[in-house]
Amino acid sequence: MQESAQVFIKIEDYKKIISTVNLLKVKLEEAKEILKSISELKIQEYNQLSKWDSNLEDIEKRIKLVDQELGKL
């Protein structure tokens, strides 16, 4: 069995460590929010690109139809 060893640190150092850990928590939450925003933007981008692709396919079909009708003349 391993025994726990006591570690003594200065109260000033302890306060610095607590402050640093709290700052890390804040930065981690900020990073999560940024990542969430980026993910939402990518979803919006994908949806918009899908709409554009659909519109282009529709235009292509219409052009083919016009081309076929003109070929009959």
N, C-alpha and C. Protein backbone atom coordinates (compact mmCIF):
# COMPACT_ATOMS: atom_id res chain seq x y z
N MET A 1 0.82 -1.19 0.00
CA MET A 1 0.00 0.00 0.00
C MET A 1 0.86 1.25 0.00
N GLN A 2 0.37 2.22 -0.70
CA GLN A 2 1.11 3.47 -0.77
C GLN A 2 0.49 4.45 0.22
N GLU A 3 1.32 5.06 1.03
CA GLU A 3 0.83 6.02 2.01
C GLU A 3 0.79 7.41 1.41
N SER A 4 -0.18 8.20 1.85
CA SER A 4 -0.28 9.58 1.39
C SER A 4 0.77 10.42 2.11
N ALA A 5 1.47 11.19 1.34
CA ALA A 5 2.46 12.09 1.93
C ALA A 5 1.84 13.48 2.02
N GLN A 6 2.11 14.16 3.07
CA GLN A 6 1.61 15.52 3.21
C GLN A 6 2.50 16.47 2.43
N VAL A 7 1.85 17.41 1.78
CA VAL A 7 2.58 18.42 1.03
C VAL A 7 2.19 19.77 1.61
N PHE A 8 3.19 20.56 1.91
CA PHE A 8 2.95 21.89 2.45
C PHE A 8 3.34 22.92 1.40
N ILE A 9 2.43 23.87 1.19
CA ILE A 9 2.74 24.96 0.27
C ILE A 9 2.36 26.27 0.94
N LYS A 10 2.97 27.33 0.46
CA LYS A 10 2.67 28.65 1.01
C LYS A 10 1.25 29.04 0.61
N ILE A 11 0.59 29.76 1.48
CA ILE A 11 -0.78 30.19 1.21
C ILE A 11 -0.86 31.05 -0.05
N GLU A 12 0.19 31.84 -0.31
CA GLU A 12 0.21 32.68 -1.51
C GLU A 12 0.26 31.81 -2.77
N ASP A 13 1.06 30.75 -2.70
CA ASP A 13 1.15 29.82 -3.83
C ASP A 13 -0.19 29.10 -4.04
N TYR A 14 -0.83 28.73 -2.93
CA TYR A 14 -2.13 28.06 -3.01
C TYR A 14 -3.15 28.98 -3.67
N LYS A 15 -3.16 30.23 -3.27
CA LYS A 15 -4.10 31.20 -3.86
C LYS A 15 -3.83 31.38 -5.36
N LYS A 16 -2.55 31.38 -5.75
CA LYS A 16 -2.20 31.50 -7.16
C LYS A 16 -2.70 30.28 -7.94
N ILE A 17 -2.53 29.11 -7.35
CA ILE A 17 -2.98 27.87 -8.00
C ILE A 17 -4.49 27.89 -8.17
N ILE A 18 -5.22 28.27 -7.13
CA ILE A 18 -6.68 28.34 -7.20
C ILE A 18 -7.10 29.35 -8.27
N SER A 19 -6.44 30.48 -8.29
CA SER A 19 -6.74 31.52 -9.29
C SER A 19 -6.49 31.01 -10.70
N THR A 20 -5.39 30.31 -10.89
CA THR A 20 -5.05 29.76 -12.20
C THR A 20 -6.06 28.70 -12.63
N VAL A 21 -6.45 27.84 -11.72
CA VAL A 21 -7.44 26.80 -12.03
C VAL A 21 -8.77 27.44 -12.41
N ASN A 22 -9.18 28.46 -11.67
CA ASN A 22 -10.43 29.15 -11.99
C ASN A 22 -10.36 29.82 -13.36
N LEU A 23 -9.22 30.42 -13.67
CA LEU A 23 -9.04 31.03 -14.99
C LEU A 23 -9.11 29.97 -16.09
N LEU A 24 -8.51 28.82 -15.84
CA LEU A 24 -8.57 27.72 -16.81
C LEU A 24 -10.01 27.27 -17.04
N LYS A 25 -10.80 27.21 -15.98
CA LYS A 25 -12.21 26.83 -16.11
C LYS A 25 -12.96 27.83 -16.99
N VAL A 26 -12.71 29.10 -16.77
CA VAL A 26 -13.36 30.15 -17.56
C VAL A 26 -12.95 30.02 -19.03
N LYS A 27 -11.67 29.86 -19.28
CA LYS A 27 -11.17 29.73 -20.65
C LYS A 27 -11.72 28.47 -21.32
N LEU A 28 -11.87 27.39 -20.56
CA LEU A 28 -12.43 26.17 -21.10
C LEU A 28 -13.88 26.39 -21.52
N GLU A 29 -14.66 27.07 -20.72
CA GLU A 29 -16.05 27.37 -21.08
C GLU A 29 -16.12 28.27 -22.31
N GLU A 30 -15.22 29.25 -22.40
CA GLU A 30 -15.17 30.12 -23.57
C GLU A 30 -14.86 29.29 -24.82
N ALA A 31 -13.91 28.38 -24.71
CA ALA A 31 -13.54 27.54 -25.84
C ALA A 31 -14.71 26.66 -26.26
N LYS A 32 -15.46 26.13 -25.28
CA LYS A 32 -16.64 25.31 -25.60
C LYS A 32 -17.68 26.13 -26.35
N GLU A 33 -17.91 27.37 -25.92
CA GLU A 33 -18.89 28.23 -26.59
C GLU A 33 -18.45 28.57 -28.01
N ILE A 34 -17.17 28.83 -28.19
CA ILE A 34 -16.64 29.11 -29.53
C ILE A 34 -16.81 27.90 -30.43
N LEU A 35 -16.49 26.72 -29.92
CA LEU A 35 -16.64 25.50 -30.70
C LEU A 35 -18.10 25.25 -31.06
N LYS A 36 -19.00 25.52 -30.12
CA LYS A 36 -20.42 25.37 -30.38
C LYS A 36 -20.87 26.32 -31.49
N SER A 37 -20.40 27.57 -31.45
CA SER A 37 -20.73 28.55 -32.48
C SER A 37 -20.21 28.12 -33.85
N ILE A 38 -19.00 27.61 -33.87
CA ILE A 38 -18.41 27.15 -35.14
C ILE A 38 -19.21 25.98 -35.69
N SER A 39 -19.61 25.07 -34.82
CA SER A 39 -20.40 23.91 -35.27
C SER A 39 -21.74 24.37 -35.85
N GLU A 40 -22.38 25.33 -35.20
CA GLU A 40 -23.65 25.85 -35.70
C GLU A 40 -23.46 26.53 -37.06
N LEU A 41 -22.38 27.28 -37.21
CA LEU A 41 -22.09 27.93 -38.49
C LEU A 41 -21.85 26.90 -39.59
N LYS A 42 -21.16 25.83 -39.27
CA LYS A 42 -20.89 24.79 -40.27
C LYS A 42 -22.20 24.12 -40.70
N ILE A 43 -23.11 23.92 -39.77
CA ILE A 43 -24.41 23.34 -40.11
C ILE A 43 -25.17 24.28 -41.04
N GLN A 44 -25.16 25.57 -40.71
CA GLN A 44 -25.82 26.56 -41.56
C GLN A 44 -25.18 26.59 -42.95
N GLU A 45 -23.86 26.51 -42.98
CA GLU A 45 -23.13 26.51 -44.25
C GLU A 45 -23.53 25.29 -45.09
N TYR A 46 -23.58 24.14 -44.47
CA TYR A 46 -23.96 22.92 -45.18
C TYR A 46 -25.38 23.03 -45.74
N ASN A 47 -26.29 23.54 -44.92
CA ASN A 47 -27.67 23.69 -45.38
C ASN A 47 -27.77 24.66 -46.56
N GLN A 48 -27.02 25.75 -46.49
CA GLN A 48 -27.04 26.72 -47.59
C GLN A 48 -26.45 26.12 -48.86
N LEU A 49 -25.35 25.40 -48.73
CA LEU A 49 -24.73 24.76 -49.89
C LEU A 49 -25.67 23.72 -50.50
N SER A 50 -26.40 23.02 -49.67
CA SER A 50 -27.36 22.03 -50.17
C SER A 50 -28.46 22.72 -50.97
N LYS A 51 -28.93 23.86 -50.48
CA LYS A 51 -29.96 24.62 -51.21
C LYS A 51 -29.41 25.08 -52.57
N TRP A 52 -28.19 25.60 -52.56
CA TRP A 52 -27.60 26.06 -53.82
C TRP A 52 -27.46 24.90 -54.80
N ASP A 53 -27.02 23.75 -54.29
CA ASP A 53 -26.86 22.58 -55.15
C ASP A 53 -28.20 22.18 -55.75
N SER A 54 -29.23 22.21 -54.94
CA SER A 54 -30.58 21.87 -55.41
C SER A 54 -31.05 22.86 -56.48
N ASN A 55 -30.79 24.14 -56.24
CA ASN A 55 -31.17 25.16 -57.21
C ASN A 55 -30.43 24.97 -58.54
N LEU A 56 -29.15 24.65 -58.44
CA LEU A 56 -28.37 24.44 -59.67
C LEU A 56 -28.88 23.23 -60.44
N GLU A 57 -29.26 22.17 -59.74
CA GLU A 57 -29.82 20.99 -60.41
C GLU A 57 -31.14 21.34 -61.09
N ASP A 58 -31.95 22.16 -60.44
CA ASP A 58 -33.22 22.59 -61.02
C ASP A 58 -32.97 23.42 -62.29
N ILE A 59 -32.03 24.31 -62.22
CA ILE A 59 -31.68 25.14 -63.39
C ILE A 59 -31.17 24.26 -64.53
N GLU A 60 -30.35 23.29 -64.20
CA GLU A 60 -29.81 22.38 -65.20
C GLU A 60 -30.94 21.61 -65.90
N LYS A 61 -31.91 21.13 -65.14
CA LYS A 61 -33.04 20.42 -65.72
C LYS A 61 -33.84 21.32 -66.65
N ARG A 62 -34.04 22.57 -66.24
CA ARG A 62 -34.80 23.52 -67.06
C ARG A 62 -34.06 23.83 -68.36
N ILE A 63 -32.75 23.96 -68.26
CA ILE A 63 -31.96 24.24 -69.46
C ILE A 63 -32.03 23.06 -70.42
N LYS A 64 -31.96 21.84 -69.89
CA LYS A 64 -32.08 20.65 -70.74
C LYS A 64 -33.44 20.60 -71.42
N LEU A 65 -34.48 20.95 -70.68
CA LEU A 65 -35.83 20.96 -71.24
C LEU A 65 -35.94 21.98 -72.37
N VAL A 66 -35.42 23.17 -72.15
CA VAL A 66 -35.43 24.20 -73.19
C VAL A 66 -34.64 23.73 -74.40
N ASP A 67 -33.48 23.12 -74.15
CA ASP A 67 -32.63 22.63 -75.24
C ASP A 67 -33.37 21.56 -76.04
N GLN A 68 -34.09 20.68 -75.36
CA GLN A 68 -34.87 19.64 -76.07
C GLN A 68 -35.98 20.26 -76.89
N GLU A 69 -36.66 21.24 -76.34
CA GLU A 69 -37.76 21.89 -77.08
C GLU A 69 -37.22 22.65 -78.30
N LEU A 70 -36.08 23.29 -78.15
CA LEU A 70 -35.48 24.01 -79.27
C LEU A 70 -35.00 23.03 -80.36
N GLY A 71 -34.58 21.85 -79.91
CA GLY A 71 -34.14 20.83 -80.88
C GLY A 71 -35.27 20.29 -81.73
N LYS A 72 -36.49 20.41 -81.26
CA LYS A 72 -37.65 19.94 -81.99
C LYS A 72 -38.05 20.89 -83.11
N LEU A 73 -37.58 22.11 -83.02
CA LEU A 73 -37.98 23.11 -84.03
C LEU A 73 -37.28 22.91 -85.35
